Amino acid sequence: MTKIPAACTKRALTGRAVRLELDVEARDKYRRLLAYIYLDGGRTPSGCW
């Protein structure tokens, strides 16, 4: 993740309750976590992705 998307993600999610739902495979071949992000109320975040 580059600095700009990381900063956008941090700004969008800081201080908010989130729920992670793991994908079929929890990790990829590089051991990165694969998960969907849901905000409180079931919404998905937008604007950064």
N, C-alpha and C. Protein backbone atom coordinates (compact mmCIF):
# COMPACT_ATOMS: atom_id res chain seq x y z
N MET A 1 0.85 -1.17 0.00
CA MET A 1 0.00 0.00 0.00
C MET A 1 0.89 1.23 0.00
N THR A 2 0.60 2.15 -0.87
CA THR A 2 1.40 3.37 -0.93
C THR A 2 0.93 4.35 0.13
N LYS A 3 1.66 5.44 0.28
CA LYS A 3 1.37 6.40 1.34
C LYS A 3 0.02 7.09 1.18
N ILE A 4 -0.36 7.44 -0.04
CA ILE A 4 -1.63 8.16 -0.24
C ILE A 4 -2.84 7.29 0.09
N PRO A 5 -2.96 6.06 -0.47
CA PRO A 5 -4.10 5.23 -0.07
C PRO A 5 -4.08 4.87 1.41
N ALA A 6 -2.91 4.67 1.98
CA ALA A 6 -2.82 4.35 3.41
C ALA A 6 -3.35 5.51 4.25
N ALA A 7 -2.99 6.73 3.88
CA ALA A 7 -3.46 7.91 4.61
C ALA A 7 -4.97 8.07 4.46
N CYS A 8 -5.49 7.83 3.28
CA CYS A 8 -6.92 7.93 3.03
C CYS A 8 -7.68 6.89 3.88
N THR A 9 -7.18 5.68 3.90
CA THR A 9 -7.80 4.61 4.68
C THR A 9 -7.77 4.96 6.17
N LYS A 10 -6.65 5.42 6.65
CA LYS A 10 -6.52 5.79 8.06
C LYS A 10 -7.51 6.89 8.42
N ARG A 11 -7.60 7.92 7.56
CA ARG A 11 -8.51 9.04 7.80
C ARG A 11 -9.97 8.57 7.80
N ALA A 12 -10.32 7.65 6.90
CA ALA A 12 -11.70 7.18 6.78
C ALA A 12 -12.12 6.27 7.93
N LEU A 13 -11.16 5.53 8.51
CA LEU A 13 -11.53 4.51 9.49
C LEU A 13 -11.14 4.82 10.93
N THR A 14 -10.28 5.79 11.16
CA THR A 14 -9.84 6.11 12.52
C THR A 14 -11.03 6.52 13.38
N GLY A 15 -11.13 5.89 14.54
CA GLY A 15 -12.18 6.22 15.50
C GLY A 15 -13.52 5.60 15.19
N ARG A 16 -13.60 4.74 14.18
CA ARG A 16 -14.87 4.12 13.80
C ARG A 16 -14.83 2.64 14.12
N ALA A 17 -15.97 2.10 14.46
CA ALA A 17 -16.08 0.65 14.67
C ALA A 17 -16.14 -0.03 13.30
N VAL A 18 -15.31 -1.03 13.10
CA VAL A 18 -15.30 -1.77 11.85
C VAL A 18 -15.41 -3.26 12.14
N ARG A 19 -15.89 -3.99 11.16
CA ARG A 19 -15.95 -5.45 11.23
C ARG A 19 -15.24 -5.99 10.00
N LEU A 20 -14.38 -6.97 10.21
CA LEU A 20 -13.68 -7.61 9.10
C LEU A 20 -14.32 -8.95 8.83
N GLU A 21 -14.58 -9.23 7.57
CA GLU A 21 -15.08 -10.53 7.16
C GLU A 21 -14.02 -11.15 6.26
N LEU A 22 -13.45 -12.26 6.71
CA LEU A 22 -12.37 -12.89 5.96
C LEU A 22 -12.88 -13.46 4.65
N ASP A 23 -12.01 -13.44 3.65
CA ASP A 23 -12.31 -14.02 2.36
C ASP A 23 -12.20 -15.54 2.48
N VAL A 24 -12.45 -16.26 1.41
CA VAL A 24 -12.37 -17.72 1.42
C VAL A 24 -10.99 -18.16 1.92
N GLU A 25 -9.95 -17.56 1.39
CA GLU A 25 -8.59 -17.78 1.87
C GLU A 25 -8.26 -16.58 2.76
N ALA A 26 -7.88 -16.82 4.00
CA ALA A 26 -7.62 -15.72 4.93
C ALA A 26 -6.37 -14.92 4.55
N ARG A 27 -5.41 -15.56 3.90
CA ARG A 27 -4.16 -14.88 3.54
C ARG A 27 -3.77 -15.26 2.12
N ASP A 28 -3.09 -14.32 1.44
CA ASP A 28 -2.59 -14.63 0.09
C ASP A 28 -1.18 -15.21 0.18
N LYS A 29 -0.57 -15.44 -0.97
CA LYS A 29 0.75 -16.08 -0.97
C LYS A 29 1.83 -15.22 -0.33
N TYR A 30 1.57 -13.93 -0.16
CA TYR A 30 2.52 -13.02 0.49
C TYR A 30 2.18 -12.82 1.97
N ARG A 31 1.21 -13.59 2.47
CA ARG A 31 0.76 -13.58 3.88
C ARG A 31 -0.01 -12.31 4.25
N ARG A 32 -0.55 -11.61 3.22
CA ARG A 32 -1.39 -10.43 3.51
C ARG A 32 -2.79 -10.91 3.88
N LEU A 33 -3.40 -10.23 4.83
CA LEU A 33 -4.75 -10.56 5.25
C LEU A 33 -5.74 -10.16 4.16
N LEU A 34 -6.63 -11.07 3.79
CA LEU A 34 -7.66 -10.79 2.79
C LEU A 34 -9.00 -10.72 3.50
N ALA A 35 -9.55 -9.53 3.60
CA ALA A 35 -10.80 -9.36 4.33
C ALA A 35 -11.60 -8.19 3.75
N TYR A 36 -12.91 -8.28 3.91
CA TYR A 36 -13.80 -7.18 3.55
C TYR A 36 -13.99 -6.33 4.79
N ILE A 37 -14.06 -5.02 4.61
CA ILE A 37 -14.24 -4.09 5.73
C ILE A 37 -15.67 -3.58 5.72
N TYR A 38 -16.33 -3.68 6.87
CA TYR A 38 -17.68 -3.15 7.03
C TYR A 38 -17.67 -2.16 8.19
N LEU A 39 -18.26 -1.00 7.96
CA LEU A 39 -18.40 0.00 9.01
C LEU A 39 -19.61 -0.33 9.87
N ASP A 40 -19.73 0.35 10.99
CA ASP A 40 -20.91 0.21 11.83
C ASP A 40 -22.15 0.46 10.99
N GLY A 41 -23.14 -0.36 11.14
CA GLY A 41 -24.35 -0.24 10.33
C GLY A 41 -24.28 -1.07 9.06
N GLY A 42 -23.18 -1.80 8.84
CA GLY A 42 -23.07 -2.69 7.70
C GLY A 42 -22.61 -2.04 6.40
N ARG A 43 -22.34 -0.74 6.44
CA ARG A 43 -21.91 -0.05 5.22
C ARG A 43 -20.46 -0.40 4.90
N THR A 44 -20.11 -0.34 3.64
CA THR A 44 -18.72 -0.49 3.25
C THR A 44 -18.13 0.90 3.04
N PRO A 45 -16.88 1.10 3.43
CA PRO A 45 -16.28 2.42 3.23
C PRO A 45 -16.09 2.73 1.75
N SER A 46 -16.13 4.00 1.40
CA SER A 46 -15.94 4.39 0.00
C SER A 46 -15.04 5.63 -0.04
N GLY A 47 -14.57 5.92 -1.22
CA GLY A 47 -13.76 7.12 -1.40
C GLY A 47 -12.28 6.85 -1.48
N CYS A 48 -11.81 5.78 -0.91
CA CYS A 48 -10.38 5.47 -0.94
C CYS A 48 -10.06 4.35 -1.91
N TRP A 49 -11.05 3.55 -2.23
CA TRP A 49 -10.76 2.33 -2.98
C TRP A 49 -11.33 2.45 -4.34
